[in-house]
Amino acid sequence: MADIDKIEREVASLNPRDLAAFRAWFSSYDAAAWDRQLEVDVARGALDSLADAALAQHRAAHSRPL
């Protein structure tokens, strides 16, 4: 946890401009990490049961257009 504490202190000490740049970088980094994890989950079939359930609900006319 010492590393996390150090990062928190560093982020808290950023000036507004650098904080905005860090936010933009982290948002992009976090989205890419999410995408990679989703790709792994899809490849291993972790979401298949959710898709199957949604399709079953749709076939049973329990869905509506957006």
PDB file of N, CA and C in Angstrom:
ATOM      1  N   MET A   1       0.812  -1.208   0.000  1.00  0.00           N
ATOM      2  CA  MET A   1       0.000   0.000   0.000  1.00  0.00           C
ATOM      3  C   MET A   1       0.851   1.265   0.000  1.00  0.00           C
ATOM      4  N   ALA A   2       2.124   1.166   0.294  1.00  0.00           N
ATOM      5  CA  ALA A   2       2.976   2.349   0.296  1.00  0.00           C
ATOM      6  C   ALA A   2       3.002   2.989  -1.082  1.00  0.00           C
ATOM      7  N   ASP A   3       3.006   2.177  -2.139  1.00  0.00           N
ATOM      8  CA  ASP A   3       3.004   2.722  -3.495  1.00  0.00           C
ATOM      9  C   ASP A   3       1.715   3.492  -3.765  1.00  0.00           C
ATOM     10  N   ILE A   4       0.589   2.943  -3.348  1.00  0.00           N
ATOM     11  CA  ILE A   4      -0.701   3.620  -3.547  1.00  0.00           C
ATOM     12  C   ILE A   4      -0.722   4.939  -2.784  1.00  0.00           C
ATOM     13  N   ASP A   5      -0.245   4.910  -1.561  1.00  0.00           N
ATOM     14  CA  ASP A   5      -0.202   6.140  -0.761  1.00  0.00           C
ATOM     15  C   ASP A   5       0.656   7.196  -1.450  1.00  0.00           C
ATOM     16  N   LYS A   6       1.781   6.788  -1.994  1.00  0.00           N
ATOM     17  CA  LYS A   6       2.676   7.722  -2.691  1.00  0.00           C
ATOM     18  C   LYS A   6       1.977   8.299  -3.921  1.00  0.00           C
ATOM     19  N   ILE A   7       1.314   7.438  -4.689  1.00  0.00           N
ATOM     20  CA  ILE A   7       0.596   7.908  -5.876  1.00  0.00           C
ATOM     21  C   ILE A   7      -0.497   8.891  -5.479  1.00  0.00           C
ATOM     22  N   GLU A   8      -1.249   8.572  -4.430  1.00  0.00           N
ATOM     23  CA  GLU A   8      -2.309   9.475  -3.964  1.00  0.00           C
ATOM     24  C   GLU A   8      -1.744  10.838  -3.592  1.00  0.00           C
ATOM     25  N   ARG A   9      -0.623  10.857  -2.886  1.00  0.00           N
ATOM     26  CA  ARG A   9      -0.005  12.136  -2.499  1.00  0.00           C
ATOM     27  C   ARG A   9       0.447  12.909  -3.732  1.00  0.00           C
ATOM     28  N   GLU A  10       1.042  12.197  -4.686  1.00  0.00           N
ATOM     29  CA  GLU A  10       1.510  12.860  -5.905  1.00  0.00           C
ATOM     30  C   GLU A  10       0.339  13.456  -6.691  1.00  0.00           C
ATOM     31  N   VAL A  11      -0.730  12.692  -6.839  1.00  0.00           N
ATOM     32  CA  VAL A  11      -1.899  13.192  -7.575  1.00  0.00           C
ATOM     33  C   VAL A  11      -2.500  14.391  -6.849  1.00  0.00           C
ATOM     34  N   ALA A  12      -2.594  14.313  -5.552  1.00  0.00           N
ATOM     35  CA  ALA A  12      -3.171  15.416  -4.769  1.00  0.00           C
ATOM     36  C   ALA A  12      -2.338  16.692  -4.896  1.00  0.00           C
ATOM     37  N   SER A  13      -1.065  16.552  -5.194  1.00  0.00           N
ATOM     38  CA  SER A  13      -0.203  17.733  -5.271  1.00  0.00           C
ATOM     39  C   SER A  13      -0.121  18.324  -6.681  1.00  0.00           C
ATOM     40  N   LEU A  14      -0.771  17.713  -7.645  1.00  0.00           N
ATOM     41  CA  LEU A  14      -0.717  18.227  -9.017  1.00  0.00           C
ATOM     42  C   LEU A  14      -1.443  19.566  -9.142  1.00  0.00           C
ATOM     43  N   ASN A  15      -0.901  20.425  -9.995  1.00  0.00           N
ATOM     44  CA  ASN A  15      -1.603  21.677 -10.274  1.00  0.00           C
ATOM     45  C   ASN A  15      -2.779  21.354 -11.200  1.00  0.00           C
ATOM     46  N   PRO A  16      -3.730  22.264 -11.315  1.00  0.00           N
ATOM     47  CA  PRO A  16      -4.940  21.969 -12.102  1.00  0.00           C
ATOM     48  C   PRO A  16      -4.662  21.509 -13.536  1.00  0.00           C
ATOM     49  N   ARG A  17      -3.706  22.114 -14.193  1.00  0.00           N
ATOM     50  CA  ARG A  17      -3.384  21.727 -15.577  1.00  0.00           C
ATOM     51  C   ARG A  17      -2.855  20.301 -15.650  1.00  0.00           C
ATOM     52  N   ASP A  18      -1.919  19.979 -14.762  1.00  0.00           N
ATOM     53  CA  ASP A  18      -1.361  18.628 -14.750  1.00  0.00           C
ATOM     54  C   ASP A  18      -2.400  17.603 -14.302  1.00  0.00           C
ATOM     55  N   LEU A  19      -3.273  17.995 -13.380  1.00  0.00           N
ATOM     56  CA  LEU A  19      -4.335  17.093 -12.943  1.00  0.00           C
ATOM     57  C   LEU A  19      -5.281  16.784 -14.100  1.00  0.00           C
ATOM     58  N   ALA A  20      -5.603  17.781 -14.904  1.00  0.00           N
ATOM     59  CA  ALA A  20      -6.457  17.557 -16.068  1.00  0.00           C
ATOM     60  C   ALA A  20      -5.773  16.608 -17.065  1.00  0.00           C
ATOM     61  N   ALA A  21      -4.479  16.795 -17.279  1.00  0.00           N
ATOM     62  CA  ALA A  21      -3.738  15.912 -18.186  1.00  0.00           C
ATOM     63  C   ALA A  21      -3.700  14.494 -17.626  1.00  0.00           C
ATOM     64  N   PHE A  22      -3.507  14.362 -16.317  1.00  0.00           N
ATOM     65  CA  PHE A  22      -3.497  13.045 -15.690  1.00  0.00           C
ATOM     66  C   PHE A  22      -4.862  12.376 -15.815  1.00  0.00           C
ATOM     67  N   ARG A  23      -5.928  13.139 -15.588  1.00  0.00           N
ATOM     68  CA  ARG A  23      -7.286  12.598 -15.719  1.00  0.00           C
ATOM     69  C   ARG A  23      -7.523  12.060 -17.127  1.00  0.00           C
ATOM     70  N   ALA A  24      -7.122  12.835 -18.123  1.00  0.00           N
ATOM     71  CA  ALA A  24      -7.300  12.405 -19.516  1.00  0.00           C
ATOM     72  C   ALA A  24      -6.508  11.136 -19.786  1.00  0.00           C
ATOM     73  N   TRP A  25      -5.257  11.099 -19.333  1.00  0.00           N
ATOM     74  CA  TRP A  25      -4.431   9.910 -19.529  1.00  0.00           C
ATOM     75  C   TRP A  25      -5.057   8.710 -18.813  1.00  0.00           C
ATOM     76  N   PHE A  26      -5.455   8.886 -17.555  1.00  0.00           N
ATOM     77  CA  PHE A  26      -5.978   7.754 -16.796  1.00  0.00           C
ATOM     78  C   PHE A  26      -7.296   7.259 -17.369  1.00  0.00           C
ATOM     79  N   SER A  27      -8.126   8.167 -17.834  1.00  0.00           N
ATOM     80  CA  SER A  27      -9.391   7.762 -18.447  1.00  0.00           C
ATOM     81  C   SER A  27      -9.133   6.865 -19.653  1.00  0.00           C
ATOM     82  N   SER A  28      -8.191   7.249 -20.490  1.00  0.00           N
ATOM     83  CA  SER A  28      -7.827   6.451 -21.664  1.00  0.00           C
ATOM     84  C   SER A  28      -7.223   5.115 -21.242  1.00  0.00           C
ATOM     85  N   TYR A  29      -6.341   5.146 -20.266  1.00  0.00           N
ATOM     86  CA  TYR A  29      -5.698   3.932 -19.752  1.00  0.00           C
ATOM     87  C   TYR A  29      -6.738   2.970 -19.185  1.00  0.00           C
ATOM     88  N   ASP A  30      -7.657   3.502 -18.396  1.00  0.00           N
ATOM     89  CA  ASP A  30      -8.677   2.685 -17.755  1.00  0.00           C
ATOM     90  C   ASP A  30      -9.623   2.073 -18.789  1.00  0.00           C
ATOM     91  N   ALA A  31      -9.999   2.856 -19.790  1.00  0.00           N
ATOM     92  CA  ALA A  31     -10.878   2.340 -20.849  1.00  0.00           C
ATOM     93  C   ALA A  31     -10.198   1.218 -21.619  1.00  0.00           C
ATOM     94  N   ALA A  32      -8.905   1.370 -21.904  1.00  0.00           N
ATOM     95  CA  ALA A  32      -8.167   0.328 -22.621  1.00  0.00           C
ATOM     96  C   ALA A  32      -8.073  -0.940 -21.776  1.00  0.00           C
ATOM     97  N   ALA A  33      -7.855  -0.789 -20.476  1.00  0.00           N
ATOM     98  CA  ALA A  33      -7.801  -1.950 -19.587  1.00  0.00           C
ATOM     99  C   ALA A  33      -9.156  -2.662 -19.557  1.00  0.00           C
ATOM    100  N   TRP A  34     -10.236  -1.902 -19.507  1.00  0.00           N
ATOM    101  CA  TRP A  34     -11.595  -2.459 -19.533  1.00  0.00           C
ATOM    102  C   TRP A  34     -11.811  -3.243 -20.826  1.00  0.00           C
ATOM    103  N   ASP A  35     -11.418  -2.632 -21.951  1.00  0.00           N
ATOM    104  CA  ASP A  35     -11.582  -3.298 -23.247  1.00  0.00           C
ATOM    105  C   ASP A  35     -10.818  -4.615 -23.305  1.00  0.00           C
ATOM    106  N   ARG A  36      -9.572  -4.602 -22.804  1.00  0.00           N
ATOM    107  CA  ARG A  36      -8.770  -5.847 -22.792  1.00  0.00           C
ATOM    108  C   ARG A  36      -9.447  -6.917 -21.947  1.00  0.00           C
ATOM    109  N   GLN A  37      -9.958  -6.539 -20.783  1.00  0.00           N
ATOM    110  CA  GLN A  37     -10.617  -7.516 -19.916  1.00  0.00           C
ATOM    111  C   GLN A  37     -11.884  -8.046 -20.564  1.00  0.00           C
ATOM    112  N   LEU A  38     -12.649  -7.181 -21.211  1.00  0.00           N
ATOM    113  CA  LEU A  38     -13.862  -7.609 -21.895  1.00  0.00           C
ATOM    114  C   LEU A  38     -13.527  -8.605 -23.006  1.00  0.00           C
ATOM    115  N   GLU A  39     -12.467  -8.341 -23.752  1.00  0.00           N
ATOM    116  CA  GLU A  39     -12.048  -9.264 -24.806  1.00  0.00           C
ATOM    117  C   GLU A  39     -11.703 -10.634 -24.231  1.00  0.00           C
ATOM    118  N   VAL A  40     -11.014 -10.654 -23.103  1.00  0.00           N
ATOM    119  CA  VAL A  40     -10.658 -11.911 -22.438  1.00  0.00           C
ATOM    120  C   VAL A  40     -11.929 -12.625 -21.987  1.00  0.00           C
ATOM    121  N   ASP A  41     -12.842 -11.882 -21.372  1.00  0.00           N
ATOM    122  CA  ASP A  41     -14.090 -12.479 -20.883  1.00  0.00           C
ATOM    123  C   ASP A  41     -14.923 -13.057 -22.029  1.00  0.00           C
ATOM    124  N   VAL A  42     -14.990 -12.328 -23.136  1.00  0.00           N
ATOM    125  CA  VAL A  42     -15.743 -12.807 -24.294  1.00  0.00           C
ATOM    126  C   VAL A  42     -15.101 -14.077 -24.839  1.00  0.00           C
ATOM    127  N   ALA A  43     -13.787 -14.064 -24.980  1.00  0.00           N
ATOM    128  CA  ALA A  43     -13.080 -15.216 -25.539  1.00  0.00           C
ATOM    129  C   ALA A  43     -13.255 -16.470 -24.687  1.00  0.00           C
ATOM    130  N   ARG A  44     -13.346 -16.306 -23.393  1.00  0.00           N
ATOM    131  CA  ARG A  44     -13.505 -17.490 -22.528  1.00  0.00           C
ATOM    132  C   ARG A  44     -14.965 -17.842 -22.264  1.00  0.00           C
ATOM    133  N   GLY A  45     -15.874 -17.092 -22.878  1.00  0.00           N
ATOM    134  CA  GLY A  45     -17.285 -17.426 -22.769  1.00  0.00           C
ATOM    135  C   GLY A  45     -17.947 -16.961 -21.489  1.00  0.00           C
ATOM    136  N   ALA A  46     -17.311 -16.059 -20.772  1.00  0.00           N
ATOM    137  CA  ALA A  46     -17.849 -15.619 -19.485  1.00  0.00           C
ATOM    138  C   ALA A  46     -19.172 -14.870 -19.616  1.00  0.00           C
ATOM    139  N   LEU A  47     -19.445 -14.337 -20.803  1.00  0.00           N
ATOM    140  CA  LEU A  47     -20.668 -13.559 -20.979  1.00  0.00           C
ATOM    141  C   LEU A  47     -21.756 -14.325 -21.714  1.00  0.00           C
ATOM    142  N   ASP A  48     -21.451 -15.551 -22.098  1.00  0.00           N
ATOM    143  CA  ASP A  48     -22.406 -16.335 -22.876  1.00  0.00           C
ATOM    144  C   ASP A  48     -23.741 -16.519 -22.157  1.00  0.00           C
ATOM    145  N   SER A  49     -23.696 -16.797 -20.874  1.00  0.00           N
ATOM    146  CA  SER A  49     -24.950 -17.026 -20.150  1.00  0.00           C
ATOM    147  C   SER A  49     -25.801 -15.753 -20.101  1.00  0.00           C
ATOM    148  N   LEU A  50     -25.155 -14.599 -20.004  1.00  0.00           N
ATOM    149  CA  LEU A  50     -25.903 -13.338 -20.015  1.00  0.00           C
ATOM    150  C   LEU A  50     -26.544 -13.096 -21.382  1.00  0.00           C
ATOM    151  N   ALA A  51     -25.791 -13.369 -22.438  1.00  0.00           N
ATOM    152  CA  ALA A  51     -26.334 -13.206 -23.789  1.00  0.00           C
ATOM    153  C   ALA A  51     -27.483 -14.181 -24.016  1.00  0.00           C
ATOM    154  N   ASP A  52     -27.313 -15.414 -23.582  1.00  0.00           N
ATOM    155  CA  ASP A  52     -28.371 -16.413 -23.737  1.00  0.00           C
ATOM    156  C   ASP A  52     -29.644 -15.991 -23.012  1.00  0.00           C
ATOM    157  N   ALA A  53     -29.489 -15.482 -21.803  1.00  0.00           N
ATOM    158  CA  ALA A  53     -30.655 -15.036 -21.028  1.00  0.00           C
ATOM    159  C   ALA A  53     -31.347 -13.853 -21.714  1.00  0.00           C
ATOM    160  N   ALA A  54     -30.560 -12.909 -22.231  1.00  0.00           N
ATOM    161  CA  ALA A  54     -31.149 -11.759 -22.915  1.00  0.00           C
ATOM    162  C   ALA A  54     -31.887 -12.195 -24.172  1.00  0.00           C
ATOM    163  N   LEU A  55     -31.290 -13.104 -24.930  1.00  0.00           N
ATOM    164  CA  LEU A  55     -31.954 -13.592 -26.142  1.00  0.00           C
ATOM    165  C   LEU A  55     -33.235 -14.348 -25.809  1.00  0.00           C
ATOM    166  N   ALA A  56     -33.221 -15.113 -24.740  1.00  0.00           N
ATOM    167  CA  ALA A  56     -34.423 -15.840 -24.325  1.00  0.00           C
ATOM    168  C   ALA A  56     -35.523 -14.862 -23.951  1.00  0.00           C
ATOM    169  N   GLN A  57     -35.181 -13.808 -23.247  1.00  0.00           N
ATOM    170  CA  GLN A  57     -36.163 -12.784 -22.881  1.00  0.00           C
ATOM    171  C   GLN A  57     -36.723 -12.105 -24.131  1.00  0.00           C
ATOM    172  N   HIS A  58     -35.852 -11.845 -25.088  1.00  0.00           N
ATOM    173  CA  HIS A  58     -36.295 -11.215 -26.332  1.00  0.00           C
ATOM    174  C   HIS A  58     -37.237 -12.145 -27.103  1.00  0.00           C
ATOM    175  N   ARG A  59     -36.859 -13.407 -27.209  1.00  0.00           N
ATOM    176  CA  ARG A  59     -37.705 -14.363 -27.929  1.00  0.00           C
ATOM    177  C   ARG A  59     -39.065 -14.533 -27.265  1.00  0.00           C
ATOM    178  N   ALA A  60     -39.119 -14.355 -25.957  1.00  0.00           N
ATOM    179  CA  ALA A  60     -40.368 -14.475 -25.218  1.00  0.00           C
ATOM    180  C   ALA A  60     -41.155 -13.160 -25.226  1.00  0.00           C
ATOM    181  N   ALA A  61     -40.720 -12.231 -26.071  1.00  0.00           N
ATOM    182  CA  ALA A  61     -41.380 -10.927 -26.222  1.00  0.00           C
ATOM    183  C   ALA A  61     -41.327 -10.078 -24.954  1.00  0.00           C
ATOM    184  N   HIS A  62     -40.260 -10.226 -24.184  1.00  0.00           N
ATOM    185  CA  HIS A  62     -40.075  -9.421 -22.970  1.00  0.00           C
ATOM    186  C   HIS A  62     -39.062  -8.310 -23.187  1.00  0.00           C
ATOM    187  N   SER A  63     -38.934  -7.851 -24.426  1.00  0.00           N
ATOM    188  CA  SER A  63     -38.031  -6.749 -24.722  1.00  0.00           C
ATOM    189  C   SER A  63     -38.782  -5.695 -25.506  1.00  0.00           C
ATOM    190  N   ARG A  64     -38.201  -4.543 -25.608  1.00  0.00           N
ATOM    191  CA  ARG A  64     -38.825  -3.466 -26.364  1.00  0.00           C
ATOM    192  C   ARG A  64     -37.725  -2.683 -27.073  1.00  0.00           C
ATOM    193  N   PRO A  65     -38.091  -2.060 -28.175  1.00  0.00           N
ATOM    194  CA  PRO A  65     -37.082  -1.246 -28.888  1.00  0.00           C
ATOM    195  C   PRO A  65     -36.667  -0.041 -28.062  1.00  0.00           C
ATOM    196  N   LEU A  66     -35.486   0.427 -28.317  1.00  0.00           N
ATOM    197  CA  LEU A  66     -34.999   1.625 -27.591  1.00  0.00           C
ATOM    198  C   LEU A  66     -35.572   2.883 -28.137  1.00  0.00           C
TER     199      LEU A  66
END
